[in-house]
Amino acid sequence: MYTVTNEQDNKIIAAKTQSTENSYPEVFMEIRQSEKSLEEILTEIQTIVQKEYAIIKEQAIVHTPISATLFEARQGDEWNDEVVRFYIFPNEKGGTFIIKQQFFFEAYEGHGVRMDNMLKTFELIN
């Protein structure tokens, strides 16, 4: 159901089937690292979310599917409105992991759940 590609320093896990008529947003999960501190990344993500999304859930510390700070937002309540989730946590080297999930509102219980299940298996490798 998904393909995995490496783009520079990012790993992209994308749905094999995407909308050809742009009737819904691209569906993917991007995993990347930054040398910036956790606090810097949290500020950057918060700014992005506030500028681009109409509905923003409160920032939260979560322990499932992974221990991280979670930002979640969406464009609206229509079936095809874009949803993003950012899981942000330290990489144990002074930097930060940023995991971005993007899908559409109707896909919460499909792609959203599958992506979170993938994250449950995430491991740091030295």
Protein backbone atom coordinates (compact mmCIF):
# COMPACT_ATOMS: atom_id res chain seq x y z
CA MET A 1 0.00 0.00 0.00
CA TYR A 2 3.03 2.30 0.46
CA THR A 3 6.35 3.03 -1.18
CA VAL A 4 9.52 4.08 0.63
CA THR A 5 11.98 6.51 -0.94
CA ASN A 6 15.01 8.39 0.30
CA GLU A 7 15.23 12.04 -0.71
CA GLN A 8 18.44 13.70 0.52
CA ASP A 9 18.23 13.33 4.31
CA ASN A 10 14.54 12.43 4.36
CA LYS A 11 12.72 9.14 4.19
CA ILE A 12 9.30 9.37 2.54
CA ILE A 13 6.66 6.68 3.00
CA ALA A 14 3.90 7.50 0.51
CA ALA A 15 0.62 5.85 -0.42
CA LYS A 16 0.96 4.01 -3.74
CA THR A 17 -2.40 5.35 -4.87
CA GLN A 18 -2.60 9.13 -4.98
CA SER A 19 -5.33 11.38 -6.37
CA THR A 20 -4.79 11.97 -10.09
CA GLU A 21 -7.40 14.77 -10.18
CA ASN A 22 -6.07 16.49 -7.03
CA SER A 23 -9.38 15.76 -5.33
CA TYR A 24 -7.54 15.10 -2.06
CA PRO A 25 -4.06 15.97 -0.72
CA GLU A 26 -0.99 13.83 -1.15
CA VAL A 27 -0.76 11.04 1.45
CA PHE A 28 2.67 10.47 3.00
CA MET A 29 4.82 10.27 6.10
CA GLU A 30 8.18 12.05 6.04
CA ILE A 31 10.94 11.25 8.54
CA ARG A 32 13.84 13.66 8.82
CA GLN A 33 16.43 14.90 11.26
CA SER A 34 17.57 18.42 12.00
CA GLU A 35 20.63 19.68 13.81
CA LYS A 36 18.42 22.33 15.42
CA SER A 37 17.31 21.95 19.02
CA LEU A 38 13.93 20.60 20.00
CA GLU A 39 12.82 24.09 21.12
CA GLU A 40 13.80 25.66 17.78
CA ILE A 41 11.92 23.03 15.79
CA LEU A 42 8.84 23.31 18.02
CA THR A 43 8.74 27.06 17.37
CA GLU A 44 9.18 26.56 13.59
CA ILE A 45 6.45 23.92 13.35
CA GLN A 46 4.06 25.98 15.46
CA THR A 47 4.56 28.95 13.11
CA ILE A 48 3.95 26.80 10.02
CA VAL A 49 0.80 25.24 11.46
CA GLN A 50 -0.64 28.60 12.53
CA LYS A 51 -0.07 30.10 9.06
CA GLU A 52 -1.35 27.21 6.95
CA TYR A 53 -4.22 25.54 8.83
CA ALA A 54 -7.62 26.69 10.02
CA ILE A 55 -8.17 24.11 12.76
CA ILE A 56 -5.31 23.49 15.17
CA LYS A 57 -5.36 21.01 18.03
CA GLU A 58 -3.52 21.96 21.18
CA GLN A 59 0.15 20.95 21.25
CA ALA A 60 0.52 17.80 23.36
CA ILE A 61 3.14 15.45 24.77
CA VAL A 62 2.20 11.93 23.65
CA HIS A 63 3.61 8.48 24.39
CA THR A 64 1.85 6.58 21.66
CA PRO A 65 2.54 5.78 18.87
CA ILE A 66 5.91 7.29 19.90
CA SER A 67 7.07 9.54 22.75
CA ALA A 68 7.08 13.00 21.23
CA THR A 69 5.51 16.43 21.10
CA LEU A 70 2.53 16.32 18.76
CA PHE A 71 1.19 19.14 16.60
CA GLU A 72 -1.97 18.29 14.68
CA ALA A 73 -3.92 20.55 12.36
CA ARG A 74 -6.31 20.45 9.41
CA GLN A 75 -7.68 22.77 6.79
CA GLY A 76 -11.33 22.11 7.61
CA ASP A 77 -14.03 19.50 8.17
CA GLU A 78 -14.69 18.42 4.58
CA TRP A 79 -13.82 14.83 3.60
CA ASN A 80 -10.89 15.93 1.42
CA ASP A 81 -9.41 18.63 3.67
CA GLU A 82 -5.71 18.22 4.40
CA VAL A 83 -4.65 16.93 7.82
CA VAL A 84 -1.09 17.09 9.17
CA ARG A 85 0.49 15.62 12.26
CA PHE A 86 4.01 16.45 13.36
CA TYR A 87 5.74 14.21 15.90
CA ILE A 88 8.87 15.95 17.21
CA PHE A 89 11.46 14.45 19.58
CA PRO A 90 15.21 14.61 20.34
CA ASN A 91 17.56 12.43 18.28
CA GLU A 92 20.02 11.83 21.18
CA LYS A 93 22.75 13.73 19.29
CA GLY A 94 21.67 17.27 20.16
CA GLY A 95 19.30 17.48 17.21
CA THR A 96 15.69 16.62 16.54
CA PHE A 97 13.59 14.12 14.62
CA ILE A 98 10.63 15.57 12.75
CA ILE A 99 8.00 13.15 11.51
CA LYS A 100 5.30 14.69 9.35
CA GLN A 101 2.19 12.76 8.43
CA GLN A 102 -0.14 14.17 5.79
CA PHE A 103 -3.45 12.72 4.65
CA PHE A 104 -7.04 13.86 4.18
CA PHE A 105 -9.80 14.18 6.77
CA GLU A 106 -11.70 11.06 5.68
CA ALA A 107 -8.49 8.99 5.97
CA TYR A 108 -8.04 9.38 9.76
CA GLU A 109 -9.11 5.80 10.38
CA GLY A 110 -7.25 4.45 7.34
CA HIS A 111 -3.94 6.10 6.48
CA GLY A 112 -3.77 7.94 9.82
CA VAL A 113 -3.98 4.71 11.82
CA ARG A 114 -1.59 2.85 9.49
CA MET A 115 1.02 5.61 9.75
CA ASP A 116 0.78 5.60 13.53
CA ASN A 117 1.18 1.81 13.52
CA MET A 118 4.36 2.22 11.45
CA LEU A 119 5.65 4.71 14.02
CA LYS A 120 5.15 2.18 16.81
CA THR A 121 8.05 0.23 15.27
CA PHE A 122 10.38 3.27 14.98
CA GLU A 123 13.79 2.67 16.58
CA LEU A 124 16.84 4.88 16.95
CA ILE A 125 19.91 3.22 15.45
CA ASN A 126 23.35 4.53 16.36
